[in-house]
C-alpha atoms as a PDB file:
ATOM      1  CA  UNK A   1       4.070 -31.962 -18.565  1.00  0.00           C
ATOM      2  CA  UNK A   2       1.273 -30.722 -16.131  1.00  0.00           C
ATOM      3  CA  UNK A   3       3.896 -30.625 -13.403  1.00  0.00           C
ATOM      4  CA  UNK A   4       6.760 -28.562 -15.582  1.00  0.00           C
ATOM      5  CA  UNK A   5       3.801 -25.856 -16.315  1.00  0.00           C
ATOM      6  CA  UNK A   6       2.710 -25.528 -12.796  1.00  0.00           C
ATOM      7  CA  UNK A   7       6.149 -25.063 -11.759  1.00  0.00           C
ATOM      8  CA  UNK A   8       7.223 -22.744 -14.085  1.00  0.00           C
ATOM      9  CA  UNK A   9       4.021 -20.824 -13.405  1.00  0.00           C
ATOM     10  CA  UNK A  10       5.101 -20.864  -9.475  1.00  0.00           C
ATOM     11  CA  UNK A  11       8.592 -19.661 -10.276  1.00  0.00           C
ATOM     12  CA  UNK A  12       7.294 -16.846 -12.497  1.00  0.00           C
ATOM     13  CA  UNK A  13       4.925 -15.670  -9.584  1.00  0.00           C
ATOM     14  CA  UNK A  14       8.034 -16.491  -7.100  1.00  0.00           C
ATOM     15  CA  UNK A  15      10.144 -14.101  -8.998  1.00  0.00           C
ATOM     16  CA  UNK A  16       7.317 -11.122  -9.696  1.00  0.00           C
ATOM     17  CA  UNK A  17       6.547 -11.250  -5.772  1.00  0.00           C
ATOM     18  CA  UNK A  18      10.660 -10.990  -5.157  1.00  0.00           C
ATOM     19  CA  UNK A  19      10.629  -8.064  -8.043  1.00  0.00           C
ATOM     20  CA  UNK A  20       7.528  -6.341  -6.410  1.00  0.00           C
ATOM     21  CA  UNK A  21       8.536  -6.336  -3.144  1.00  0.00           C
ATOM     22  CA  UNK A  22      12.036  -5.346  -4.262  1.00  0.00           C
ATOM     23  CA  UNK A  23      11.194  -2.291  -6.400  1.00  0.00           C
ATOM     24  CA  UNK A  24       8.756  -1.137  -3.371  1.00  0.00           C
ATOM     25  CA  UNK A  25      11.214  -1.625  -0.899  1.00  0.00           C
ATOM     26  CA  UNK A  26      14.004   0.488  -2.963  1.00  0.00           C
ATOM     27  CA  UNK A  27      11.398   2.942  -3.839  1.00  0.00           C
ATOM     28  CA  UNK A  28      10.607   3.509  -0.156  1.00  0.00           C
ATOM     29  CA  UNK A  29      14.420   3.735   0.759  1.00  0.00           C
ATOM     30  CA  UNK A  30      15.207   6.442  -1.788  1.00  0.00           C
ATOM     31  CA  UNK A  31      12.366   8.185  -0.571  1.00  0.00           C
ATOM     32  CA  UNK A  32      12.799   7.423   3.155  1.00  0.00           C
ATOM     33  CA  UNK A  33      12.668  11.229   4.482  1.00  0.00           C
ATOM     34  CA  UNK A  34       9.024  11.357   3.279  1.00  0.00           C
ATOM     35  CA  UNK A  35       8.084   7.720   3.748  1.00  0.00           C
ATOM     36  CA  UNK A  36       7.849   7.412   7.573  1.00  0.00           C
ATOM     37  CA  UNK A  37       5.924   9.408  10.376  1.00  0.00           C
ATOM     38  CA  UNK A  38       3.727  12.285   9.934  1.00  0.00           C
ATOM     39  CA  UNK A  39       2.436  13.539   6.677  1.00  0.00           C
ATOM     40  CA  UNK A  40       3.811  10.294   4.951  1.00  0.00           C
ATOM     41  CA  UNK A  41       4.201  10.348   0.797  1.00  0.00           C
ATOM     42  CA  UNK A  42       5.252   6.884   0.517  1.00  0.00           C
ATOM     43  CA  UNK A  43       5.622   7.026  -3.527  1.00  0.00           C
ATOM     44  CA  UNK A  44       5.728   3.250  -3.614  1.00  0.00           C
ATOM     45  CA  UNK A  45       2.149   2.941  -2.245  1.00  0.00           C
ATOM     46  CA  UNK A  46       0.898   3.541  -6.295  1.00  0.00           C
ATOM     47  CA  UNK A  47       2.386   0.222  -6.725  1.00  0.00           C
ATOM     48  CA  UNK A  48      -1.183  -0.869  -4.577  1.00  0.00           C
ATOM     49  CA  UNK A  49      -2.791  -0.448  -7.633  1.00  0.00           C
ATOM     50  CA  UNK A  50      -0.899  -3.153  -9.500  1.00  0.00           C
ATOM     51  CA  UNK A  51      -3.474  -5.460  -7.475  1.00  0.00           C
ATOM     52  CA  UNK A  52      -6.284  -4.172  -9.324  1.00  0.00           C
ATOM     53  CA  UNK A  53      -4.817  -4.908 -12.711  1.00  0.00           C
ATOM     54  CA  UNK A  54      -3.817  -8.622 -11.437  1.00  0.00           C
ATOM     55  CA  UNK A  55      -4.308  -9.886  -8.033  1.00  0.00           C
ATOM     56  CA  UNK A  56      -0.877 -11.769  -8.206  1.00  0.00           C
ATOM     57  CA  UNK A  57       0.660  -8.550  -7.589  1.00  0.00           C
ATOM     58  CA  UNK A  58      -0.613  -8.537  -3.839  1.00  0.00           C
ATOM     59  CA  UNK A  59       1.885 -10.829  -2.343  1.00  0.00           C
ATOM     60  CA  UNK A  60       4.742  -8.485  -3.805  1.00  0.00           C
ATOM     61  CA  UNK A  61       3.108  -5.407  -2.463  1.00  0.00           C
ATOM     62  CA  UNK A  62       2.620  -6.973   1.260  1.00  0.00           C
ATOM     63  CA  UNK A  63       6.204  -8.340   1.116  1.00  0.00           C
ATOM     64  CA  UNK A  64       7.576  -5.019   0.100  1.00  0.00           C
ATOM     65  CA  UNK A  65       5.545  -3.196   2.832  1.00  0.00           C
ATOM     66  CA  UNK A  66       6.814  -5.797   5.379  1.00  0.00           C
ATOM     67  CA  UNK A  67      10.199  -4.901   4.229  1.00  0.00           C
ATOM     68  CA  UNK A  68      10.224  -1.325   4.228  1.00  0.00           C
ATOM     69  CA  UNK A  69       8.500  -1.080   7.598  1.00  0.00           C
ATOM     70  CA  UNK A  70      11.334  -3.520   9.052  1.00  0.00           C
ATOM     71  CA  UNK A  71      13.744  -0.376   9.076  1.00  0.00           C
ATOM     72  CA  UNK A  72      10.720   2.146  10.136  1.00  0.00           C
ATOM     73  CA  UNK A  73      11.565   4.480  13.095  1.00  0.00           C
ATOM     74  CA  UNK A  74       8.166   2.964  14.607  1.00  0.00           C
ATOM     75  CA  UNK A  75       8.197   0.099  16.712  1.00  0.00           C
ATOM     76  CA  UNK A  76       5.565  -2.172  15.280  1.00  0.00           C
ATOM     77  CA  UNK A  77       5.240  -0.919  11.979  1.00  0.00           C
ATOM     78  CA  UNK A  78       6.565  -3.963   9.910  1.00  0.00           C
ATOM     79  CA  UNK A  79       3.309  -5.830  12.045  1.00  0.00           C
ATOM     80  CA  UNK A  80       0.551  -2.986  11.864  1.00  0.00           C
ATOM     81  CA  UNK A  81       1.358  -1.050   8.694  1.00  0.00           C
ATOM     82  CA  UNK A  82       1.909  -4.085   6.595  1.00  0.00           C
ATOM     83  CA  UNK A  83      -1.520  -5.402   8.074  1.00  0.00           C
ATOM     84  CA  UNK A  84      -3.151  -2.338   6.987  1.00  0.00           C
ATOM     85  CA  UNK A  85      -1.550  -3.055   3.610  1.00  0.00           C
ATOM     86  CA  UNK A  86      -2.809  -6.334   3.736  1.00  0.00           C
ATOM     87  CA  UNK A  87      -6.530  -5.199   4.327  1.00  0.00           C
ATOM     88  CA  UNK A  88      -6.071  -2.658   1.886  1.00  0.00           C
ATOM     89  CA  UNK A  89      -5.298  -5.514  -0.462  1.00  0.00           C
ATOM     90  CA  UNK A  90      -8.084  -7.739   0.005  1.00  0.00           C
ATOM     91  CA  UNK A  91     -10.415  -4.911  -0.451  1.00  0.00           C
ATOM     92  CA  UNK A  92      -8.669  -3.868  -3.824  1.00  0.00           C
ATOM     93  CA  UNK A  93      -9.138  -7.536  -5.057  1.00  0.00           C
ATOM     94  CA  UNK A  94     -12.986  -7.559  -4.215  1.00  0.00           C
ATOM     95  CA  UNK A  95     -13.486  -4.046  -6.168  1.00  0.00           C
ATOM     96  CA  UNK A  96     -11.675  -5.779  -8.919  1.00  0.00           C
ATOM     97  CA  UNK A  97     -14.328  -8.711  -8.700  1.00  0.00           C
ATOM     98  CA  UNK A  98     -17.073  -6.288  -8.105  1.00  0.00           C
ATOM     99  CA  UNK A  99     -16.158  -3.493 -10.582  1.00  0.00           C
ATOM    100  CA  UNK A 100     -13.656  -5.419 -13.158  1.00  0.00           C
ATOM    101  CA  UNK A 101     -16.000  -4.410 -15.784  1.00  0.00           C
ATOM    102  CA  UNK A 102     -15.714  -0.440 -15.234  1.00  0.00           C
ATOM    103  CA  UNK A 103     -11.935  -0.348 -14.952  1.00  0.00           C
ATOM    104  CA  UNK A 104     -11.511   3.722 -14.268  1.00  0.00           C
ATOM    105  CA  UNK A 105     -14.477   3.340 -11.510  1.00  0.00           C
ATOM    106  CA  UNK A 106     -12.746   0.300  -9.888  1.00  0.00           C
ATOM    107  CA  UNK A 107      -9.031   1.836 -10.312  1.00  0.00           C
ATOM    108  CA  UNK A 108     -10.347   5.173  -8.358  1.00  0.00           C
ATOM    109  CA  UNK A 109     -12.234   2.987  -5.336  1.00  0.00           C
ATOM    110  CA  UNK A 110      -9.231   0.640  -5.583  1.00  0.00           C
ATOM    111  CA  UNK A 111      -7.102   3.613  -4.481  1.00  0.00           C
ATOM    112  CA  UNK A 112      -9.343   4.988  -1.706  1.00  0.00           C
ATOM    113  CA  UNK A 113      -8.680   1.860  -0.002  1.00  0.00           C
ATOM    114  CA  UNK A 114      -5.240   2.267   1.350  1.00  0.00           C
ATOM    115  CA  UNK A 115      -6.183   5.958   2.046  1.00  0.00           C
ATOM    116  CA  UNK A 116      -8.998   4.422   4.488  1.00  0.00           C
ATOM    117  CA  UNK A 117      -7.080   1.598   5.705  1.00  0.00           C
ATOM    118  CA  UNK A 118      -3.518   3.333   6.156  1.00  0.00           C
ATOM    119  CA  UNK A 119      -5.067   6.368   7.446  1.00  0.00           C
ATOM    120  CA  UNK A 120      -6.769   5.036  10.406  1.00  0.00           C
ATOM    121  CA  UNK A 121      -4.606   2.257  11.269  1.00  0.00           C
ATOM    122  CA  UNK A 122      -1.499   4.053  10.786  1.00  0.00           C
ATOM    123  CA  UNK A 123      -2.983   6.863  12.654  1.00  0.00           C
ATOM    124  CA  UNK A 124      -3.871   4.823  15.646  1.00  0.00           C
ATOM    125  CA  UNK A 125      -0.488   3.364  15.605  1.00  0.00           C
ATOM    126  CA  UNK A 126       1.162   6.959  15.533  1.00  0.00           C
ATOM    127  CA  UNK A 127      -1.275   8.054  18.094  1.00  0.00           C
ATOM    128  CA  UNK A 128      -0.238   5.181  20.537  1.00  0.00           C
ATOM    129  CA  UNK A 129       3.379   4.464  19.967  1.00  0.00           C
ATOM    130  CA  UNK A 130       5.311   7.883  19.087  1.00  0.00           C
ATOM    131  CA  UNK A 131       6.111  10.674  21.444  1.00  0.00           C
ATOM    132  CA  UNK A 132       6.068  13.796  20.094  1.00  0.00           C
ATOM    133  CA  UNK A 133       7.054  15.853  23.204  1.00  0.00           C
ATOM    134  CA  UNK A 134       4.071  14.267  25.585  1.00  0.00           C
ATOM    135  CA  UNK A 135       5.065  12.454  28.899  1.00  0.00           C
ATOM    136  CA  UNK A 136       4.186   9.118  26.959  1.00  0.00           C
ATOM    137  CA  UNK A 137       1.463   7.467  28.807  1.00  0.00           C
ATOM    138  CA  UNK A 138       0.065  10.294  30.965  1.00  0.00           C
ATOM    139  CA  UNK A 139      -1.615  12.301  28.231  1.00  0.00           C
ATOM    140  CA  UNK A 140      -5.547  12.706  28.984  1.00  0.00           C
ATOM    141  CA  UNK A 141      -8.422  11.434  26.124  1.00  0.00           C
ATOM    142  CA  UNK A 142      -8.626  14.697  24.627  1.00  0.00           C
ATOM    143  CA  UNK A 143      -4.811  14.901  23.564  1.00  0.00           C
ATOM    144  CA  UNK A 144      -4.997  11.251  22.425  1.00  0.00           C
ATOM    145  CA  UNK A 145      -8.254  12.229  20.022  1.00  0.00           C
ATOM    146  CA  UNK A 146      -6.714  15.485  18.914  1.00  0.00           C
ATOM    147  CA  UNK A 147      -3.396  13.449  18.125  1.00  0.00           C
ATOM    148  CA  UNK A 148      -5.245  10.695  16.378  1.00  0.00           C
ATOM    149  CA  UNK A 149      -7.093  13.113  14.165  1.00  0.00           C
ATOM    150  CA  UNK A 150      -3.674  14.891  12.953  1.00  0.00           C
ATOM    151  CA  UNK A 151      -2.166  11.338  12.965  1.00  0.00           C
ATOM    152  CA  UNK A 152      -5.038  10.107  10.475  1.00  0.00           C
ATOM    153  CA  UNK A 153      -5.467  12.916   8.384  1.00  0.00           C
ATOM    154  CA  UNK A 154      -1.793  13.545   7.597  1.00  0.00           C
ATOM    155  CA  UNK A 155      -1.494   9.848   6.543  1.00  0.00           C
ATOM    156  CA  UNK A 156      -4.828   9.981   4.310  1.00  0.00           C
ATOM    157  CA  UNK A 157      -3.438  13.212   2.845  1.00  0.00           C
ATOM    158  CA  UNK A 158       0.108  11.744   1.569  1.00  0.00           C
ATOM    159  CA  UNK A 159      -1.815   8.444   0.809  1.00  0.00           C
ATOM    160  CA  UNK A 160      -4.503  10.542  -1.129  1.00  0.00           C
ATOM    161  CA  UNK A 161      -1.838  12.197  -3.479  1.00  0.00           C
ATOM    162  CA  UNK A 162      -0.070   8.959  -3.986  1.00  0.00           C
ATOM    163  CA  UNK A 163      -3.004   6.605  -4.557  1.00  0.00           C
ATOM    164  CA  UNK A 164      -5.427   8.784  -6.259  1.00  0.00           C
ATOM    165  CA  UNK A 165      -3.669  12.207  -7.241  1.00  0.00           C
ATOM    166  CA  UNK A 166      -0.832  10.336  -8.806  1.00  0.00           C
ATOM    167  CA  UNK A 167      -1.771   6.671  -9.152  1.00  0.00           C
ATOM    168  CA  UNK A 168      -5.424   6.758 -10.816  1.00  0.00           C
ATOM    169  CA  UNK A 169      -4.179   9.064 -13.653  1.00  0.00           C
ATOM    170  CA  UNK A 170      -0.938   7.252 -14.052  1.00  0.00           C
ATOM    171  CA  UNK A 171      -2.556   3.611 -14.599  1.00  0.00           C
ATOM    172  CA  UNK A 172      -5.648   4.797 -16.444  1.00  0.00           C
ATOM    173  CA  UNK A 173      -2.748   5.794 -18.832  1.00  0.00           C
ATOM    174  CA  UNK A 174      -0.946   2.346 -18.370  1.00  0.00           C
ATOM    175  CA  UNK A 175      -4.268   0.602 -18.934  1.00  0.00           C
ATOM    176  CA  UNK A 176      -4.487   2.229 -22.307  1.00  0.00           C
ATOM    177  CA  UNK A 177      -1.143   0.084 -23.504  1.00  0.00           C
ATOM    178  CA  UNK A 178      -2.681  -3.012 -24.422  1.00  0.00           C
ATOM    179  CA  UNK A 179       0.387  -5.177 -24.712  1.00  0.00           C
ATOM    180  CA  UNK A 180       1.383  -3.814 -21.211  1.00  0.00           C
ATOM    181  CA  UNK A 181      -1.700  -4.870 -19.771  1.00  0.00           C
ATOM    182  CA  UNK A 182      -1.608  -8.183 -21.553  1.00  0.00           C
ATOM    183  CA  UNK A 183       1.863  -8.653 -19.907  1.00  0.00           C
ATOM    184  CA  UNK A 184       0.609  -7.847 -16.430  1.00  0.00           C
ATOM    185  CA  UNK A 185      -2.542  -9.967 -16.340  1.00  0.00           C
ATOM    186  CA  UNK A 186      -0.501 -13.230 -17.817  1.00  0.00           C
ATOM    187  CA  UNK A 187       1.183 -13.808 -14.281  1.00  0.00           C
END
């Protein structure tokens, strides 16, 4: 009986991972024009906050980012962008452990992690792996620094709008629904 229960739980988590990854991918694909490069308003990033509700959502979010970044126009986005999400998710899980008894504060802090990690890591990636009118590899340090600041701030702005401005109020409302929260925490 114990094996059947374990198998059922494994299958449920596998289905959950696939479902969340598919939702992330489809949302990103539908909003392709604003999901890549420069100021990114990747609407699917709001799904990062599911990890605060239940860490079991983490593999689905990371897999969704990987699938979305495979079709990115930026080389190595599948690796670097996915790694930044992986780090953000680890910090969201840690925030949940530390601030789980203060859900609104924990949710707000959790929403900041994707802003920080994606801003810095994706900002670095865009700085060195894109060529917007500059002779690639021939720019001086000041040009790269300005590019890094511009890309980092633009990614951070997009992440802030999606995760904090949209995500936090959305999840605060969702967290009021006890039946939904019970369902999401069962996985």
